[in-house]
C-alpha atoms as a PDB file:
ATOM      1  CA  MET A   1     -72.981 233.209 246.510  1.00  0.00           C
ATOM      2  CA  THR A   2     -75.641 235.299 244.945  1.00  0.00           C
ATOM      3  CA  VAL A   3     -78.223 237.112 247.249  1.00  0.00           C
ATOM      4  CA  ASP A   4     -81.803 239.078 246.351  1.00  0.00           C
ATOM      5  CA  HIS A   5     -83.147 239.057 249.275  1.00  0.00           C
ATOM      6  CA  LEU A   6     -82.836 240.157 252.951  1.00  0.00           C
ATOM      7  CA  GLU A   7     -84.700 239.273 256.165  1.00  0.00           C
ATOM      8  CA  ILE A   8     -84.229 242.009 258.941  1.00  0.00           C
ATOM      9  CA  LEU A   9     -85.084 241.660 262.434  1.00  0.00           C
ATOM     10  CA  VAL A  10     -84.425 244.635 264.574  1.00  0.00           C
ATOM     11  CA  GLU A  11     -86.158 245.031 267.915  1.00  0.00           C
ATOM     12  CA  GLU A  12     -87.609 248.271 267.840  1.00  0.00           C
ATOM     13  CA  PRO A  13     -89.932 251.060 264.813  1.00  0.00           C
ATOM     14  CA  SER A  14     -87.324 253.326 264.901  1.00  0.00           C
ATOM     15  CA  MET A  15     -83.907 251.126 263.704  1.00  0.00           C
ATOM     16  CA  GLU A  16     -86.893 250.007 260.933  1.00  0.00           C
ATOM     17  CA  ALA A  17     -87.590 253.527 260.397  1.00  0.00           C
ATOM     18  CA  PHE A  18     -84.123 254.150 260.146  1.00  0.00           C
ATOM     19  CA  LEU A  19     -83.351 251.184 257.416  1.00  0.00           C
ATOM     20  CA  GLN A  20     -86.487 251.698 256.670  1.00  0.00           C
ATOM     21  CA  SER A  21     -84.941 254.529 254.836  1.00  0.00           C
ATOM     22  CA  LEU A  22     -81.181 254.033 254.918  1.00  0.00           C
ATOM     23  CA  LEU A  23     -82.118 250.932 252.544  1.00  0.00           C
ATOM     24  CA  PRO A  24     -82.081 251.636 249.388  1.00  0.00           C
ATOM     25  CA  ARG A  25     -78.722 254.299 249.164  1.00  0.00           C
ATOM     26  CA  MET A  26     -76.757 251.463 250.211  1.00  0.00           C
ATOM     27  CA  LEU A  27     -78.925 247.718 248.386  1.00  0.00           C
ATOM     28  CA  PRO A  28     -77.882 247.308 244.435  1.00  0.00           C
ATOM     29  CA  VAL A  29     -81.881 247.519 242.857  1.00  0.00           C
ATOM     30  CA  HIS A  30     -82.300 243.583 242.776  1.00  0.00           C
ATOM     31  CA  VAL A  31     -81.451 243.157 246.375  1.00  0.00           C
ATOM     32  CA  SER A  32     -84.862 243.491 248.355  1.00  0.00           C
ATOM     33  CA  PHE A  33     -85.595 243.366 251.758  1.00  0.00           C
ATOM     34  CA  SER A  34     -88.176 243.246 255.204  1.00  0.00           C
ATOM     35  CA  ILE A  35     -87.621 244.257 257.834  1.00  0.00           C
ATOM     36  CA  TYR A  36     -89.667 243.311 260.947  1.00  0.00           C
ATOM     37  CA  SER A  37     -90.025 245.132 264.148  1.00  0.00           C
ATOM     38  CA  TYR A  38     -90.270 243.621 267.774  1.00  0.00           C
ATOM     39  CA  GLN A  39     -91.907 245.522 270.927  1.00  0.00           C
ATOM     40  CA  CYS A  40     -88.282 245.758 272.531  1.00  0.00           C
ATOM     41  CA  LYS A  41     -84.761 243.686 272.689  1.00  0.00           C
ATOM     42  CA  ASP A  42     -86.054 240.912 275.665  1.00  0.00           C
ATOM     43  CA  ASP A  43     -88.853 240.437 272.749  1.00  0.00           C
ATOM     44  CA  LEU A  44     -86.915 240.299 269.737  1.00  0.00           C
ATOM     45  CA  LEU A  45     -84.372 237.354 271.606  1.00  0.00           C
ATOM     46  CA  CYS A  46     -87.875 235.675 273.330  1.00  0.00           C
ATOM     47  CA  LYS A  47     -89.093 234.734 270.057  1.00  0.00           C
ATOM     48  CA  LEU A  48     -86.081 234.644 267.761  1.00  0.00           C
ATOM     49  CA  PRO A  49     -85.274 230.875 267.891  1.00  0.00           C
ATOM     50  CA  SER A  50     -89.293 230.597 267.128  1.00  0.00           C
ATOM     51  CA  ARG A  51     -88.881 233.101 264.186  1.00  0.00           C
ATOM     52  CA  LEU A  52     -85.189 231.148 262.921  1.00  0.00           C
ATOM     53  CA  ARG A  53     -86.201 228.096 263.174  1.00  0.00           C
ATOM     54  CA  GLY A  54     -89.505 228.830 260.961  1.00  0.00           C
ATOM     55  CA  TYR A  55     -86.921 230.332 258.357  1.00  0.00           C
ATOM     56  CA  ALA A  56     -84.262 227.344 258.729  1.00  0.00           C
ATOM     57  CA  GLY A  57     -87.210 225.263 257.077  1.00  0.00           C
ATOM     58  CA  TRP A  58     -88.202 228.139 254.047  1.00  0.00           C
ATOM     59  CA  LEU A  59     -85.641 230.080 252.887  1.00  0.00           C
ATOM     60  CA  PRO A  60     -84.364 230.688 249.560  1.00  0.00           C
ATOM     61  CA  GLU A  61     -80.618 229.495 249.245  1.00  0.00           C
ATOM     62  CA  THR A  62     -80.270 233.514 247.592  1.00  0.00           C
ATOM     63  CA  SER A  63     -81.539 234.675 251.092  1.00  0.00           C
ATOM     64  CA  LEU A  64     -80.269 236.016 254.289  1.00  0.00           C
ATOM     65  CA  ILE A  65     -81.638 237.103 257.849  1.00  0.00           C
ATOM     66  CA  ALA A  66     -80.473 239.986 259.465  1.00  0.00           C
ATOM     67  CA  VAL A  67     -80.835 240.450 263.583  1.00  0.00           C
ATOM     68  CA  ILE A  68     -79.760 243.337 265.026  1.00  0.00           C
ATOM     69  CA  VAL A  69     -79.948 244.551 268.134  1.00  0.00           C
ATOM     70  CA  ASP A  70     -78.580 248.061 270.585  1.00  0.00           C
ATOM     71  CA  ARG A  71     -76.078 246.525 273.177  1.00  0.00           C
ATOM     72  CA  ASP A  72     -77.816 248.508 276.090  1.00  0.00           C
ATOM     73  CA  ASP A  73     -75.698 247.324 279.198  1.00  0.00           C
ATOM     74  CA  ASP A  74     -75.471 244.560 278.527  1.00  0.00           C
ATOM     75  CA  ASP A  75     -71.916 243.021 277.890  1.00  0.00           C
ATOM     76  CA  CYS A  76     -71.433 242.640 274.471  1.00  0.00           C
ATOM     77  CA  SER A  77     -69.421 238.934 273.523  1.00  0.00           C
ATOM     78  CA  VAL A  78     -71.644 237.865 275.795  1.00  0.00           C
ATOM     79  CA  LEU A  79     -74.953 239.224 273.728  1.00  0.00           C
ATOM     80  CA  LYS A  80     -73.035 237.831 270.599  1.00  0.00           C
ATOM     81  CA  GLN A  81     -72.239 234.538 271.587  1.00  0.00           C
ATOM     82  CA  LYS A  82     -76.112 233.835 273.037  1.00  0.00           C
ATOM     83  CA  MET A  83     -77.442 235.036 269.329  1.00  0.00           C
ATOM     84  CA  GLU A  84     -75.257 233.259 267.505  1.00  0.00           C
ATOM     85  CA  LYS A  85     -76.251 230.116 269.343  1.00  0.00           C
ATOM     86  CA  VAL A  86     -79.704 231.047 268.458  1.00  0.00           C
ATOM     87  CA  ALA A  87     -79.076 230.398 265.281  1.00  0.00           C
ATOM     88  CA  GLU A  88     -76.683 226.907 265.379  1.00  0.00           C
ATOM     89  CA  GLU A  89     -79.134 225.845 267.101  1.00  0.00           C
ATOM     90  CA  ALA A  90     -81.920 226.853 264.258  1.00  0.00           C
ATOM     91  CA  GLY A  91     -79.660 224.949 262.110  1.00  0.00           C
ATOM     92  CA  LEU A  92     -78.600 228.035 260.949  1.00  0.00           C
ATOM     93  CA  SER A  93     -74.755 229.218 260.150  1.00  0.00           C
ATOM     94  CA  THR A  94     -73.693 232.289 260.823  1.00  0.00           C
ATOM     95  CA  ARG A  95     -70.895 234.604 259.310  1.00  0.00           C
ATOM     96  CA  SER A  96     -68.951 234.707 262.732  1.00  0.00           C
ATOM     97  CA  ASN A  97     -69.283 230.491 262.475  1.00  0.00           C
ATOM     98  CA  GLN A  98     -69.834 229.559 258.510  1.00  0.00           C
ATOM     99  CA  ASN A  99     -69.202 226.347 256.716  1.00  0.00           C
ATOM    100  CA  ASN A 100     -67.145 226.530 253.808  1.00  0.00           C
ATOM    101  CA  GLY A 101     -67.913 230.596 252.795  1.00  0.00           C
ATOM    102  CA  HIS A 102     -71.217 229.988 253.135  1.00  0.00           C
ATOM    103  CA  TRP A 103     -73.882 231.915 255.652  1.00  0.00           C
ATOM    104  CA  LYS A 104     -77.750 232.857 256.608  1.00  0.00           C
ATOM    105  CA  VAL A 105     -77.329 234.946 259.633  1.00  0.00           C
ATOM    106  CA  VAL A 106     -75.375 237.653 260.254  1.00  0.00           C
ATOM    107  CA  ASN A 107     -76.189 239.354 264.060  1.00  0.00           C
ATOM    108  CA  ARG A 108     -75.056 242.877 264.527  1.00  0.00           C
ATOM    109  CA  ILE A 109     -75.460 244.588 267.586  1.00  0.00           C
ATOM    110  CA  ALA A 110     -75.242 249.215 267.574  1.00  0.00           C
ATOM    111  CA  ILE A 111     -72.575 250.645 270.270  1.00  0.00           C
ATOM    112  CA  GLU A 112     -74.597 252.060 272.542  1.00  0.00           C
ATOM    113  CA  GLU A 113     -78.074 252.574 270.603  1.00  0.00           C
ATOM    114  CA  LEU A 114     -79.283 253.585 267.246  1.00  0.00           C
ATOM    115  CA  GLU A 115     -78.325 256.776 267.803  1.00  0.00           C
ATOM    116  CA  ALA A 116     -74.391 256.169 267.815  1.00  0.00           C
ATOM    117  CA  TRP A 117     -75.031 255.908 264.444  1.00  0.00           C
ATOM    118  CA  TYR A 118     -75.742 259.668 264.165  1.00  0.00           C
ATOM    119  CA  PHE A 119     -72.879 260.979 266.021  1.00  0.00           C
ATOM    120  CA  GLY A 120     -71.039 258.948 263.496  1.00  0.00           C
ATOM    121  CA  ASP A 121     -72.351 261.015 260.583  1.00  0.00           C
ATOM    122  CA  TRP A 122     -72.709 264.441 262.248  1.00  0.00           C
ATOM    123  CA  GLU A 123     -72.839 265.999 259.225  1.00  0.00           C
ATOM    124  CA  ALA A 124     -75.994 264.577 258.285  1.00  0.00           C
ATOM    125  CA  VAL A 125     -77.732 265.688 261.918  1.00  0.00           C
ATOM    126  CA  ARG A 126     -76.666 269.725 260.737  1.00  0.00           C
ATOM    127  CA  GLU A 127     -77.929 269.123 257.624  1.00  0.00           C
ATOM    128  CA  ALA A 128     -81.400 267.218 259.220  1.00  0.00           C
ATOM    129  CA  TYR A 129     -80.953 269.834 262.179  1.00  0.00           C
ATOM    130  CA  PRO A 130     -78.660 272.758 261.558  1.00  0.00           C
ATOM    131  CA  ARG A 131     -78.678 274.434 264.568  1.00  0.00           C
ATOM    132  CA  THR A 132     -77.178 271.598 266.685  1.00  0.00           C
ATOM    133  CA  ASN A 133     -73.001 272.653 267.579  1.00  0.00           C
ATOM    134  CA  ALA A 134     -71.244 271.929 264.986  1.00  0.00           C
ATOM    135  CA  THR A 135     -67.810 271.052 267.169  1.00  0.00           C
ATOM    136  CA  ILE A 136     -69.883 268.459 269.170  1.00  0.00           C
ATOM    137  CA  ILE A 137     -68.232 265.732 268.331  1.00  0.00           C
ATOM    138  CA  ARG A 138     -64.906 266.967 268.793  1.00  0.00           C
ATOM    139  CA  LYS A 139     -65.660 267.340 272.627  1.00  0.00           C
ATOM    140  CA  GLU A 140     -64.639 265.401 275.745  1.00  0.00           C
ATOM    141  CA  GLY A 141     -67.185 262.217 275.212  1.00  0.00           C
ATOM    142  CA  PHE A 142     -68.012 262.372 271.379  1.00  0.00           C
ATOM    143  CA  ARG A 143     -64.914 261.587 269.485  1.00  0.00           C
ATOM    144  CA  ASP A 144     -66.147 257.847 269.570  1.00  0.00           C
ATOM    145  CA  PRO A 145     -69.498 257.301 268.714  1.00  0.00           C
ATOM    146  CA  ASP A 146     -69.758 254.126 270.012  1.00  0.00           C
ATOM    147  CA  SER A 147     -68.550 254.936 273.571  1.00  0.00           C
ATOM    148  CA  ILE A 148     -70.603 258.426 275.012  1.00  0.00           C
ATOM    149  CA  PRO A 149     -71.378 257.525 278.543  1.00  0.00           C
ATOM    150  CA  GLY A 150     -75.176 257.940 280.210  1.00  0.00           C
ATOM    151  CA  GLY A 151     -77.065 256.802 277.253  1.00  0.00           C
ATOM    152  CA  THR A 152     -76.472 257.836 273.495  1.00  0.00           C
ATOM    153  CA  TRP A 153     -80.502 258.560 272.785  1.00  0.00           C
ATOM    154  CA  GLU A 154     -80.572 260.243 275.928  1.00  0.00           C
ATOM    155  CA  ALA A 155     -77.091 262.438 274.778  1.00  0.00           C
ATOM    156  CA  PHE A 156     -78.699 262.509 271.494  1.00  0.00           C
ATOM    157  CA  GLU A 157     -81.998 263.949 272.797  1.00  0.00           C
ATOM    158  CA  ARG A 158     -80.205 266.562 274.826  1.00  0.00           C
ATOM    159  CA  VAL A 159     -78.226 267.861 272.280  1.00  0.00           C
ATOM    160  CA  LEU A 160     -81.232 268.183 270.554  1.00  0.00           C
ATOM    161  CA  LYS A 161     -83.247 270.449 272.767  1.00  0.00           C
ATOM    162  CA  LYS A 162     -80.390 272.689 273.993  1.00  0.00           C
ATOM    163  CA  SER A 163     -80.450 273.878 270.213  1.00  0.00           C
ATOM    164  CA  GLY A 164     -84.438 274.211 270.522  1.00  0.00           C
ATOM    165  CA  TYR A 165     -85.296 270.963 269.058  1.00  0.00           C
ATOM    166  CA  PHE A 166     -87.947 268.670 269.957  1.00  0.00           C
ATOM    167  CA  LYS A 167     -88.588 270.036 273.234  1.00  0.00           C
ATOM    168  CA  ASN A 168     -91.101 268.253 274.276  1.00  0.00           C
ATOM    169  CA  GLY A 169     -88.637 264.763 273.637  1.00  0.00           C
ATOM    170  CA  LEU A 170     -86.528 263.356 271.058  1.00  0.00           C
ATOM    171  CA  ARG A 171     -89.872 261.889 268.449  1.00  0.00           C
ATOM    172  CA  LYS A 172     -87.652 258.844 267.554  1.00  0.00           C
ATOM    173  CA  ILE A 173     -89.196 257.630 264.691  1.00  0.00           C
ATOM    174  CA  GLU A 174     -89.132 260.979 263.268  1.00  0.00           C
ATOM    175  CA  VAL A 175     -85.801 261.292 263.576  1.00  0.00           C
ATOM    176  CA  ALA A 176     -84.713 257.902 262.920  1.00  0.00           C
ATOM    177  CA  ARG A 177     -86.492 258.047 259.079  1.00  0.00           C
ATOM    178  CA  ILE A 178     -85.058 261.358 258.616  1.00  0.00           C
ATOM    179  CA  LEU A 179     -81.917 260.477 259.228  1.00  0.00           C
ATOM    180  CA  GLY A 180     -81.646 257.353 257.805  1.00  0.00           C
ATOM    181  CA  GLU A 181     -82.309 259.585 254.316  1.00  0.00           C
ATOM    182  CA  ARG A 182     -79.031 261.459 255.199  1.00  0.00           C
ATOM    183  CA  ILE A 183     -76.017 258.850 256.560  1.00  0.00           C
ATOM    184  CA  ASP A 184     -73.345 258.533 254.415  1.00  0.00           C
ATOM    185  CA  PRO A 185     -72.119 255.173 254.812  1.00  0.00           C
ATOM    186  CA  GLN A 186     -69.222 255.626 253.597  1.00  0.00           C
ATOM    187  CA  LEU A 187     -68.401 258.315 255.674  1.00  0.00           C
ATOM    188  CA  ASN A 188     -70.014 257.548 259.161  1.00  0.00           C
ATOM    189  CA  ARG A 189     -67.714 257.132 262.391  1.00  0.00           C
ATOM    190  CA  SER A 190     -69.284 253.986 264.079  1.00  0.00           C
ATOM    191  CA  ARG A 191     -67.741 251.343 264.859  1.00  0.00           C
ATOM    192  CA  SER A 192     -70.102 249.082 264.819  1.00  0.00           C
ATOM    193  CA  PHE A 193     -72.589 251.108 262.251  1.00  0.00           C
ATOM    194  CA  GLN A 194     -69.016 250.307 259.930  1.00  0.00           C
ATOM    195  CA  VAL A 195     -69.120 246.368 261.057  1.00  0.00           C
ATOM    196  CA  PHE A 196     -72.760 246.249 259.438  1.00  0.00           C
ATOM    197  CA  ARG A 197     -71.938 248.655 256.804  1.00  0.00           C
ATOM    198  CA  GLU A 198     -69.528 245.839 255.535  1.00  0.00           C
ATOM    199  CA  ALA A 199     -71.071 242.926 256.457  1.00  0.00           C
ATOM    200  CA  LEU A 200     -73.593 244.274 254.194  1.00  0.00           C
ATOM    201  CA  LEU A 201     -71.422 244.962 251.379  1.00  0.00           C
ATOM    202  CA  GLU A 202     -69.931 241.384 251.957  1.00  0.00           C
ATOM    203  CA  VAL A 203     -73.383 240.196 250.759  1.00  0.00           C
ATOM    204  CA  ILE A 204     -74.193 242.641 248.381  1.00  0.00           C
END
């Protein structure tokens, strides 16, 4: 299957900013992409059925759709099944439920949030914010980027504030843009990022 364009749906502007910086470093020059952000996860999931039905009516054979949401407090399996069902009802095959190797939609979940992908490449964070603790990812509670307790973005904000950054609160879009330029897709330790990367590599 030859792919030359990706339509990417995300739940909020910081993921859009992150991918706008990251994807040009991951995709071949002949693969274009468009990213559409929503007000929140509920907004995306509410509008997803009509959006996918629209795609089903015109999407070229060489284009694919990626839908990316945070897990937050949802059960990952239940959330994924919900997204898969929406695609199926729109008449679009998914990577998880493909037809003879052909699929149009890949659903991906950032566990727990986008900031888990930052913890997955702490060297990139330290390149951007050099006063941060170099050993934080070896401490209990931080070793698995996808299992950091108490909210990943809150934990990320606490670590940066403690290092003297963002005293008035994390500027999420700014950080997303900066780290999207620095994250190494091959070295990121977050399993949910690795699954996202593998899906992209498969289609390109």
